[in-house]
Amino acid sequence: MNSLQPEDTAVYYCNVNPSNPQYWGQGTQVTVSS
């Protein structure tokens, strides 16, 4: 992720596509702020 913007702030998760509800993990927090 480059040129991050405040609007990118979120918890990010990985999964397959289409998503499988059994695969959701804890995610990782991304916060973009000055």
Full PDB file with SEQRES, HELIX, SHEET, SSBOND, CRYST1, ORIGX, SCALE, CONECT and MASTER records, all heavy atoms in Angstrom:
SEQRES   1 A   34  MET ASN SER LEU GLN PRO GLU ASP THR ALA VAL TYR TYR          
SEQRES   2 A   34  CYS ASN VAL ASN PRO SER ASN PRO GLN TYR TRP GLY GLN          
SEQRES   3 A   34  GLY THR GLN VAL THR VAL SER SER                              
HELIX    1 AA1 PRO A    6  ASP A    8  5                                   3    
HELIX    2 AA2 PRO A   21  TYR A   23  5                                   3    
SHEET    1 AA1 2 ALA A  10  TYR A  12  0                                        
SHEET    2 AA1 2 THR A  28  VAL A  30 -1                                        
CRYST1    1.000    1.000    1.000  90.00  90.00  90.00 P 1           1          
ORIGX1      1.000000  0.000000  0.000000        0.00000                         
ORIGX2      0.000000  1.000000  0.000000        0.00000                         
ORIGX3      0.000000  0.000000  1.000000        0.00000                         
SCALE1      1.000000  0.000000  0.000000        0.00000                         
SCALE2      0.000000  1.000000  0.000000        0.00000                         
SCALE3      0.000000  0.000000  1.000000        0.00000                         
ATOM      1  N   MET A   1       0.843  -1.181   0.000  1.00  0.00           N  
ATOM      2  CA  MET A   1       0.000   0.000   0.000  1.00  0.00           C  
ATOM      3  C   MET A   1       0.886   1.240   0.000  1.00  0.00           C  
ATOM      4  O   MET A   1       1.649   1.463   0.941  1.00  0.00           O  
ATOM      5  CB  MET A   1      -0.927   0.013   1.215  1.00  0.00           C  
ATOM      6  CG  MET A   1      -1.774  -1.246   1.359  1.00  0.00           C  
ATOM      7  SD  MET A   1      -2.953  -1.142   2.729  1.00  0.00           S  
ATOM      8  CE  MET A   1      -1.810  -1.060   4.118  1.00  0.00           C  
ATOM      9  N   ASN A   2       0.786   2.027  -1.055  1.00  0.00           N  
ATOM     10  CA  ASN A   2       1.550   3.254  -1.189  1.00  0.00           C  
ATOM     11  C   ASN A   2       0.619   4.455  -1.228  1.00  0.00           C  
ATOM     12  O   ASN A   2      -0.572   4.328  -1.487  1.00  0.00           O  
ATOM     13  CB  ASN A   2       2.402   3.219  -2.464  1.00  0.00           C  
ATOM     14  CG  ASN A   2       3.415   2.105  -2.472  1.00  0.00           C  
ATOM     15  OD1 ASN A   2       3.968   1.736  -1.440  1.00  0.00           O  
ATOM     16  ND2 ASN A   2       3.676   1.552  -3.660  1.00  0.00           N  
ATOM     17  N   SER A   3       1.188   5.626  -0.994  1.00  0.00           N  
ATOM     18  CA  SER A   3       0.425   6.873  -1.028  1.00  0.00           C  
ATOM     19  C   SER A   3      -0.848   6.763  -0.207  1.00  0.00           C  
ATOM     20  O   SER A   3      -1.939   7.136  -0.652  1.00  0.00           O  
ATOM     21  CB  SER A   3       0.101   7.255  -2.477  1.00  0.00           C  
ATOM     22  OG  SER A   3       1.283   7.423  -3.233  1.00  0.00           O  
ATOM     23  N   LEU A   4      -0.707   6.259   0.993  1.00  0.00           N  
ATOM     24  CA  LEU A   4      -1.870   6.031   1.846  1.00  0.00           C  
ATOM     25  C   LEU A   4      -2.573   7.330   2.210  1.00  0.00           C  
ATOM     26  O   LEU A   4      -1.932   8.372   2.398  1.00  0.00           O  
ATOM     27  CB  LEU A   4      -1.451   5.291   3.111  1.00  0.00           C  
ATOM     28  CG  LEU A   4      -1.181   3.803   2.901  1.00  0.00           C  
ATOM     29  CD1 LEU A   4      -0.370   3.235   4.053  1.00  0.00           C  
ATOM     30  CD2 LEU A   4      -2.504   3.052   2.759  1.00  0.00           C  
ATOM     31  N   GLN A   5      -3.870   7.267   2.286  1.00  0.00           N  
ATOM     32  CA  GLN A   5      -4.719   8.394   2.596  1.00  0.00           C  
ATOM     33  C   GLN A   5      -5.545   8.085   3.835  1.00  0.00           C  
ATOM     34  O   GLN A   5      -5.753   6.921   4.170  1.00  0.00           O  
ATOM     35  CB  GLN A   5      -5.654   8.699   1.417  1.00  0.00           C  
ATOM     36  CG  GLN A   5      -4.939   8.940   0.099  1.00  0.00           C  
ATOM     37  CD  GLN A   5      -5.884   8.966  -1.091  1.00  0.00           C  
ATOM     38  OE1 GLN A   5      -7.104   8.965  -0.928  1.00  0.00           O  
ATOM     39  NE2 GLN A   5      -5.325   8.999  -2.283  1.00  0.00           N  
ATOM     40  N   PRO A   6      -6.025   9.113   4.539  1.00  0.00           N  
ATOM     41  CA  PRO A   6      -6.860   8.865   5.722  1.00  0.00           C  
ATOM     42  C   PRO A   6      -8.048   7.963   5.424  1.00  0.00           C  
ATOM     43  O   PRO A   6      -8.463   7.192   6.292  1.00  0.00           O  
ATOM     44  CB  PRO A   6      -7.308  10.274   6.133  1.00  0.00           C  
ATOM     45  CG  PRO A   6      -6.195  11.157   5.672  1.00  0.00           C  
ATOM     46  CD  PRO A   6      -5.739  10.553   4.373  1.00  0.00           C  
ATOM     47  N   GLU A   7      -8.582   8.030   4.219  1.00  0.00           N  
ATOM     48  CA  GLU A   7      -9.724   7.211   3.833  1.00  0.00           C  
ATOM     49  C   GLU A   7      -9.386   5.728   3.759  1.00  0.00           C  
ATOM     50  O   GLU A   7     -10.296   4.893   3.671  1.00  0.00           O  
ATOM     51  CB  GLU A   7     -10.283   7.680   2.486  1.00  0.00           C  
ATOM     52  CG  GLU A   7     -10.895   9.078   2.512  1.00  0.00           C  
ATOM     53  CD  GLU A   7      -9.856  10.190   2.552  1.00  0.00           C  
ATOM     54  OE1 GLU A   7      -8.707   9.963   2.114  1.00  0.00           O  
ATOM     55  OE2 GLU A   7     -10.194  11.286   3.027  1.00  0.00           O  
ATOM     56  N   ASP A   8      -8.101   5.386   3.785  1.00  0.00           N  
ATOM     57  CA  ASP A   8      -7.683   3.989   3.785  1.00  0.00           C  
ATOM     58  C   ASP A   8      -7.709   3.379   5.185  1.00  0.00           C  
ATOM     59  O   ASP A   8      -7.481   2.174   5.333  1.00  0.00           O  
ATOM     60  CB  ASP A   8      -6.272   3.846   3.208  1.00  0.00           C  
ATOM     61  CG  ASP A   8      -6.187   4.282   1.757  1.00  0.00           C  
ATOM     62  OD1 ASP A   8      -7.075   3.889   0.969  1.00  0.00           O  
ATOM     63  OD2 ASP A   8      -5.233   5.003   1.408  1.00  0.00           O  
ATOM     64  N   THR A   9      -7.955   4.186   6.195  1.00  0.00           N  
ATOM     65  CA  THR A   9      -7.992   3.696   7.567  1.00  0.00           C  
ATOM     66  C   THR A   9      -9.092   2.656   7.730  1.00  0.00           C  
ATOM     67  O   THR A   9     -10.257   2.915   7.435  1.00  0.00           O  
ATOM     68  CB  THR A   9      -8.220   4.849   8.550  1.00  0.00           C  
ATOM     69  OG1 THR A   9      -7.100   5.738   8.504  1.00  0.00           O  
ATOM     70  CG2 THR A   9      -8.379   4.330   9.970  1.00  0.00           C  
ATOM     71  N   ALA A  10      -8.718   1.471   8.192  1.00  0.00           N  
ATOM     72  CA  ALA A  10      -9.660   0.367   8.335  1.00  0.00           C  
ATOM     73  C   ALA A  10      -8.931  -0.836   8.914  1.00  0.00           C  
ATOM     74  O   ALA A  10      -7.702  -0.841   9.034  1.00  0.00           O  
ATOM     75  CB  ALA A  10     -10.270  -0.001   6.979  1.00  0.00           C  
ATOM     76  N   VAL A  11      -9.703  -1.848   9.268  1.00  0.00           N  
ATOM     77  CA  VAL A  11      -9.132  -3.147   9.583  1.00  0.00           C  
ATOM     78  C   VAL A  11      -9.090  -3.937   8.287  1.00  0.00           C  
ATOM     79  O   VAL A  11     -10.105  -4.053   7.595  1.00  0.00           O  
ATOM     80  CB  VAL A  11      -9.947  -3.903  10.646  1.00  0.00           C  
ATOM     81  CG1 VAL A  11      -9.340  -5.282  10.903  1.00  0.00           C  
ATOM     82  CG2 VAL A  11      -9.999  -3.106  11.937  1.00  0.00           C  
ATOM     83  N   TYR A  12      -7.930  -4.467   7.963  1.00  0.00           N  
ATOM     84  CA  TYR A  12      -7.739  -5.194   6.719  1.00  0.00           C  
ATOM     85  C   TYR A  12      -7.710  -6.695   6.980  1.00  0.00           C  
ATOM     86  O   TYR A  12      -7.043  -7.165   7.901  1.00  0.00           O  
ATOM     87  CB  TYR A  12      -6.439  -4.759   6.033  1.00  0.00           C  
ATOM     88  CG  TYR A  12      -6.548  -3.411   5.368  1.00  0.00           C  
ATOM     89  CD1 TYR A  12      -6.657  -2.252   6.129  1.00  0.00           C  
ATOM     90  CD2 TYR A  12      -6.561  -3.294   3.978  1.00  0.00           C  
ATOM     91  CE1 TYR A  12      -6.782  -1.009   5.525  1.00  0.00           C  
ATOM     92  CE2 TYR A  12      -6.677  -2.061   3.364  1.00  0.00           C  
ATOM     93  CZ  TYR A  12      -6.791  -0.919   4.147  1.00  0.00           C  
ATOM     94  OH  TYR A  12      -6.906   0.308   3.536  1.00  0.00           O  
ATOM     95  N   TYR A  13      -8.439  -7.436   6.156  1.00  0.00           N  
ATOM     96  CA  TYR A  13      -8.543  -8.879   6.284  1.00  0.00           C  
ATOM     97  C   TYR A  13      -8.176  -9.548   4.963  1.00  0.00           C  
ATOM     98  O   TYR A  13      -8.394  -8.978   3.896  1.00  0.00           O  
ATOM     99  CB  TYR A  13      -9.973  -9.308   6.612  1.00  0.00           C  
ATOM    100  CG  TYR A  13     -10.575  -8.701   7.852  1.00  0.00           C  
ATOM    101  CD1 TYR A  13     -11.227  -7.475   7.797  1.00  0.00           C  
ATOM    102  CD2 TYR A  13     -10.530  -9.372   9.062  1.00  0.00           C  
ATOM    103  CE1 TYR A  13     -11.804  -6.922   8.925  1.00  0.00           C  
ATOM    104  CE2 TYR A  13     -11.109  -8.827  10.199  1.00  0.00           C  
ATOM    105  CZ  TYR A  13     -11.744  -7.605  10.122  1.00  0.00           C  
ATOM    106  OH  TYR A  13     -12.322  -7.068  11.247  1.00  0.00           O  
ATOM    107  N   CYS A  14      -7.665 -10.755   5.045  1.00  0.00           N  
ATOM    108  CA  CYS A  14      -7.497 -11.546   3.839  1.00  0.00           C  
ATOM    109  C   CYS A  14      -8.480 -12.702   3.856  1.00  0.00           C  
ATOM    110  O   CYS A  14      -8.971 -13.114   4.903  1.00  0.00           O  
ATOM    111  CB  CYS A  14      -6.057 -12.057   3.680  1.00  0.00           C  
ATOM    112  SG  CYS A  14      -5.487 -13.195   4.961  1.00  0.00           S  
ATOM    113  N   ASN A  15      -8.790 -13.210   2.685  1.00  0.00           N  
ATOM    114  CA  ASN A  15      -9.718 -14.306   2.531  1.00  0.00           C  
ATOM    115  C   ASN A  15      -9.629 -14.752   1.080  1.00  0.00           C  
ATOM    116  O   ASN A  15      -8.886 -14.176   0.287  1.00  0.00           O  
ATOM    117  CB  ASN A  15     -11.147 -13.867   2.884  1.00  0.00           C  
ATOM    118  CG  ASN A  15     -12.025 -15.009   3.364  1.00  0.00           C  
ATOM    119  OD1 ASN A  15     -12.053 -16.093   2.764  1.00  0.00           O  
ATOM    120  ND2 ASN A  15     -12.766 -14.782   4.459  1.00  0.00           N  
ATOM    121  N   VAL A  16     -10.372 -15.777   0.749  1.00  0.00           N  
ATOM    122  CA  VAL A  16     -10.517 -16.145  -0.645  1.00  0.00           C  
ATOM    123  C   VAL A  16     -11.589 -15.264  -1.257  1.00  0.00           C  
ATOM    124  O   VAL A  16     -12.281 -14.515  -0.565  1.00  0.00           O  
ATOM    125  CB  VAL A  16     -10.875 -17.638  -0.803  1.00  0.00           C  
ATOM    126  CG1 VAL A  16      -9.712 -18.513  -0.356  1.00  0.00           C  
ATOM    127  CG2 VAL A  16     -12.138 -17.972  -0.007  1.00  0.00           C  
ATOM    128  N   ASN A  17     -11.723 -15.327  -2.569  1.00  0.00           N  
ATOM    129  CA  ASN A  17     -12.746 -14.580  -3.264  1.00  0.00           C  
ATOM    130  C   ASN A  17     -13.450 -15.518  -4.231  1.00  0.00           C  
ATOM    131  O   ASN A  17     -12.796 -16.080  -5.116  1.00  0.00           O  
ATOM    132  CB  ASN A  17     -12.133 -13.392  -4.011  1.00  0.00           C  
ATOM    133  CG  ASN A  17     -13.160 -12.608  -4.802  1.00  0.00           C  
ATOM    134  OD1 ASN A  17     -13.071 -12.502  -6.018  1.00  0.00           O  
ATOM    135  ND2 ASN A  17     -14.149 -12.061  -4.111  1.00  0.00           N  
ATOM    136  N   PRO A  18     -14.758 -15.696  -4.079  1.00  0.00           N  
ATOM    137  CA  PRO A  18     -15.654 -15.130  -3.067  1.00  0.00           C  
ATOM    138  C   PRO A  18     -15.260 -15.551  -1.652  1.00  0.00           C  
ATOM    139  O   PRO A  18     -14.687 -16.612  -1.462  1.00  0.00           O  
ATOM    140  CB  PRO A  18     -17.034 -15.682  -3.432  1.00  0.00           C  
ATOM    141  CG  PRO A  18     -16.917 -16.072  -4.877  1.00  0.00           C  
ATOM    142  CD  PRO A  18     -15.500 -16.530  -5.046  1.00  0.00           C  
ATOM    143  N   SER A  19     -15.554 -14.714  -0.683  1.00  0.00           N  
ATOM    144  CA  SER A  19     -15.123 -14.959   0.683  1.00  0.00           C  
ATOM    145  C   SER A  19     -15.775 -16.193   1.282  1.00  0.00           C  
ATOM    146  O   SER A  19     -16.909 -16.544   0.953  1.00  0.00           O  
ATOM    147  CB  SER A  19     -15.402 -13.738   1.558  1.00  0.00           C  
ATOM    148  OG  SER A  19     -16.792 -13.477   1.646  1.00  0.00           O  
ATOM    149  N   ASN A  20     -15.061 -16.831   2.175  1.00  0.00           N  
ATOM    150  CA  ASN A  20     -15.547 -17.963   2.942  1.00  0.00           C  
ATOM    151  C   ASN A  20     -15.699 -17.502   4.385  1.00  0.00           C  
ATOM    152  O   ASN A  20     -14.704 -17.121   5.005  1.00  0.00           O  
ATOM    153  CB  ASN A  20     -14.575 -19.136   2.848  1.00  0.00           C  
ATOM    154  CG  ASN A  20     -15.089 -20.386   3.532  1.00  0.00           C  
ATOM    155  OD1 ASN A  20     -15.729 -20.322   4.579  1.00  0.00           O  
ATOM    156  ND2 ASN A  20     -14.801 -21.536   2.936  1.00  0.00           N  
ATOM    157  N   PRO A  21     -16.908 -17.522   4.944  1.00  0.00           N  
ATOM    158  CA  PRO A  21     -17.107 -16.993   6.299  1.00  0.00           C  
ATOM    159  C   PRO A  21     -16.283 -17.694   7.369  1.00  0.00           C  
ATOM    160  O   PRO A  21     -16.019 -17.113   8.419  1.00  0.00           O  
ATOM    161  CB  PRO A  21     -18.607 -17.173   6.540  1.00  0.00           C  
ATOM    162  CG  PRO A  21     -19.021 -18.238   5.578  1.00  0.00           C  
ATOM    163  CD  PRO A  21     -18.165 -18.024   4.369  1.00  0.00           C  
ATOM    164  N   GLN A  22     -15.866 -18.920   7.117  1.00  0.00           N  
ATOM    165  CA  GLN A  22     -15.071 -19.654   8.092  1.00  0.00           C  
ATOM    166  C   GLN A  22     -13.610 -19.216   8.114  1.00  0.00           C  
ATOM    167  O   GLN A  22     -12.871 -19.590   9.024  1.00  0.00           O  
ATOM    168  CB  GLN A  22     -15.140 -21.155   7.828  1.00  0.00           C  
ATOM    169  CG  GLN A  22     -16.519 -21.754   8.012  1.00  0.00           C  
ATOM    170  CD  GLN A  22     -16.511 -23.260   7.841  1.00  0.00           C  
ATOM    171  OE1 GLN A  22     -15.799 -23.800   6.990  1.00  0.00           O  
ATOM    172  NE2 GLN A  22     -17.302 -23.945   8.644  1.00  0.00           N  
ATOM    173  N   TYR A  23     -13.202 -18.432   7.138  1.00  0.00           N  
ATOM    174  CA  TYR A  23     -11.798 -18.055   7.016  1.00  0.00           C  
ATOM    175  C   TYR A  23     -11.451 -16.713   7.645  1.00  0.00           C  
ATOM    176  O   TYR A  23     -10.265 -16.376   7.745  1.00  0.00           O  
ATOM    177  CB  TYR A  23     -11.382 -18.018   5.552  1.00  0.00           C  
ATOM    178  CG  TYR A  23     -11.310 -19.368   4.869  1.00  0.00           C  
ATOM    179  CD1 TYR A  23     -11.012 -19.440   3.512  1.00  0.00           C  
ATOM    180  CD2 TYR A  23     -11.531 -20.555   5.553  1.00  0.00           C  
ATOM    181  CE1 TYR A  23     -10.949 -20.664   2.858  1.00  0.00           C  
ATOM    182  CE2 TYR A  23     -11.468 -21.776   4.911  1.00  0.00           C  
ATOM    183  CZ  TYR A  23     -11.179 -21.831   3.560  1.00  0.00           C  
ATOM    184  OH  TYR A  23     -11.110 -23.045   2.909  1.00  0.00           O  
ATOM    185  N   TRP A  24     -12.446 -15.916   8.053  1.00  0.00           N  
ATOM    186  CA  TRP A  24     -12.147 -14.598   8.610  1.00  0.00           C  
ATOM    187  C   TRP A  24     -11.284 -14.708   9.858  1.00  0.00           C  
ATOM    188  O   TRP A  24     -11.590 -15.459  10.786  1.00  0.00           O  
ATOM    189  CB  TRP A  24     -13.429 -13.842   8.952  1.00  0.00           C  
ATOM    190  CG  TRP A  24     -14.276 -13.505   7.774  1.00  0.00           C  
ATOM    191  CD1 TRP A  24     -15.550 -13.935   7.525  1.00  0.00           C  
ATOM    192  CD2 TRP A  24     -13.932 -12.658   6.675  1.00  0.00           C  
ATOM    193  NE1 TRP A  24     -16.015 -13.405   6.353  1.00  0.00           N  
ATOM    194  CE2 TRP A  24     -15.041 -12.620   5.805  1.00  0.00           C  
ATOM    195  CE3 TRP A  24     -12.791 -11.921   6.337  1.00  0.00           C  
ATOM    196  CZ2 TRP A  24     -15.041 -11.881   4.615  1.00  0.00           C  
ATOM    197  CZ3 TRP A  24     -12.783 -11.193   5.157  1.00  0.00           C  
ATOM    198  CH2 TRP A  24     -13.896 -11.180   4.316  1.00  0.00           C  
ATOM    199  N   GLY A  25     -10.200 -13.942   9.876  1.00  0.00           N  
ATOM    200  CA  GLY A  25      -9.320 -13.902  11.030  1.00  0.00           C  
ATOM    201  C   GLY A  25      -9.505 -12.620  11.815  1.00  0.00           C  
ATOM    202  O   GLY A  25     -10.565 -11.986  11.760  1.00  0.00           O  
ATOM    203  N   GLN A  26      -8.467 -12.223  12.539  1.00  0.00           N  
ATOM    204  CA  GLN A  26      -8.544 -11.029  13.372  1.00  0.00           C  
ATOM    205  C   GLN A  26      -8.340  -9.741  12.593  1.00  0.00           C  
ATOM    206  O   GLN A  26      -8.752  -8.678  13.043  1.00  0.00           O  
ATOM    207  CB  GLN A  26      -7.512 -11.113  14.502  1.00  0.00           C  
ATOM    208  CG  GLN A  26      -7.735 -12.285  15.447  1.00  0.00           C  
ATOM    209  CD  GLN A  26      -9.077 -12.212  16.130  1.00  0.00           C  
ATOM    210  OE1 GLN A  26      -9.411 -11.198  16.750  1.00  0.00           O  
ATOM    211  NE2 GLN A  26      -9.857 -13.289  16.025  1.00  0.00           N  
ATOM    212  N   GLY A  27      -7.704  -9.839  11.448  1.00  0.00           N  
ATOM    213  CA  GLY A  27      -7.410  -8.653  10.670  1.00  0.00           C  
ATOM    214  C   GLY A  27      -6.230  -7.882  11.244  1.00  0.00           C  
ATOM    215  O   GLY A  27      -5.705  -8.211  12.308  1.00  0.00           O  
ATOM    216  N   THR A  28      -5.811  -6.853  10.523  1.00  0.00           N  
ATOM    217  CA  THR A  28      -4.733  -5.993  10.991  1.00  0.00           C  
ATOM    218  C   THR A  28      -5.141  -4.541  10.774  1.00  0.00           C  
ATOM    219  O   THR A  28      -5.654  -4.179   9.719  1.00  0.00           O  
ATOM    220  CB  THR A  28      -3.403  -6.329  10.275  1.00  0.00           C  
ATOM    221  OG1 THR A  28      -2.340  -5.556  10.843  1.00  0.00           O  
ATOM    222  CG2 THR A  28      -3.477  -6.067   8.775  1.00  0.00           C  
ATOM    223  N   GLN A  29      -4.952  -3.723  11.785  1.00  0.00           N  
ATOM    224  CA  GLN A  29      -5.403  -2.331  11.766  1.00  0.00           C  
ATOM    225  C   GLN A  29      -4.438  -1.456  10.982  1.00  0.00           C  
ATOM    226  O   GLN A  29      -3.226  -1.475  11.227  1.00  0.00           O  
ATOM    227  CB  GLN A  29      -5.544  -1.795  13.191  1.00  0.00           C  
ATOM    228  CG  GLN A  29      -5.916  -0.317  13.273  1.00  0.00           C  
ATOM    229  CD  GLN A  29      -7.344  -0.058  12.871  1.00  0.00           C  
ATOM    230  OE1 GLN A  29      -8.256  -0.712  13.369  1.00  0.00           O  
ATOM    231  NE2 GLN A  29      -7.550   0.898  11.972  1.00  0.00           N  
ATOM    232  N   VAL A  30      -4.986  -0.684  10.072  1.00  0.00           N  
ATOM    233  CA  VAL A  30      -4.222   0.325   9.340  1.00  0.00           C  
ATOM    234  C   VAL A  30      -4.829   1.680   9.665  1.00  0.00           C  
ATOM    235  O   VAL A  30      -6.017   1.897   9.445  1.00  0.00           O  
ATOM    236  CB  VAL A  30      -4.258   0.085   7.826  1.00  0.00           C  
ATOM    237  CG1 VAL A  30      -3.635   1.263   7.077  1.00  0.00           C  
ATOM    238  CG2 VAL A  30      -3.541  -1.212   7.481  1.00  0.00           C  
ATOM    239  N   THR A  31      -4.009   2.570  10.201  1.00  0.00           N  
ATOM    240  CA  THR A  31      -4.460   3.912  10.539  1.00  0.00           C  
ATOM    241  C   THR A  31      -3.578   4.921   9.830  1.00  0.00           C  
ATOM    242  O   THR A  31      -2.353   4.901   9.987  1.00  0.00           O  
ATOM    243  CB  THR A  31      -4.413   4.157  12.050  1.00  0.00           C  
ATOM    244  OG1 THR A  31      -5.220   3.193  12.725  1.00  0.00           O  
ATOM    245  CG2 THR A  31      -4.917   5.551  12.384  1.00  0.00           C  
ATOM    246  N   VAL A  32      -4.196   5.791   9.052  1.00  0.00           N  
ATOM    247  CA  VAL A  32      -3.477   6.817   8.308  1.00  0.00           C  
ATOM    248  C   VAL A  32      -3.872   8.170   8.878  1.00  0.00           C  
ATOM    249  O   VAL A  32      -5.010   8.611   8.715  1.00  0.00           O  
ATOM    250  CB  VAL A  32      -3.783   6.751   6.810  1.00  0.00           C  
ATOM    251  CG1 VAL A  32      -2.917   7.750   6.052  1.00  0.00           C  
ATOM    252  CG2 VAL A  32      -3.559   5.340   6.278  1.00  0.00           C  
ATOM    253  N   SER A  33      -2.936   8.821   9.548  1.00  0.00           N  
ATOM    254  CA  SER A  33      -3.239  10.074  10.225  1.00  0.00           C  
ATOM    255  C   SER A  33      -1.960  10.863  10.447  1.00  0.00           C  
ATOM    256  O   SER A  33      -0.889  10.297  10.640  1.00  0.00           O  
ATOM    257  CB  SER A  33      -3.920   9.805  11.569  1.00  0.00           C  
ATOM    258  OG  SER A  33      -4.196  11.011  12.260  1.00  0.00           O  
ATOM    259  N   SER A  34      -2.076  12.182  10.426  1.00  0.00           N  
ATOM    260  CA  SER A  34      -0.936  13.039  10.669  1.00  0.00           C  
ATOM    261  C   SER A  34      -0.885  13.475  12.123  1.00  0.00           C  
ATOM    262  O   SER A  34      -1.830  13.290  12.883  1.00  0.00           O  
ATOM    263  CB  SER A  34      -0.986  14.276   9.770  1.00  0.00           C  
ATOM    264  OG  SER A  34      -2.166  15.024  10.005  1.00  0.00           O  
TER     265      SER A  34                                                      
MASTER        0    0    0    2    2    0    0    6  264    1    0    3          
END                                                                             
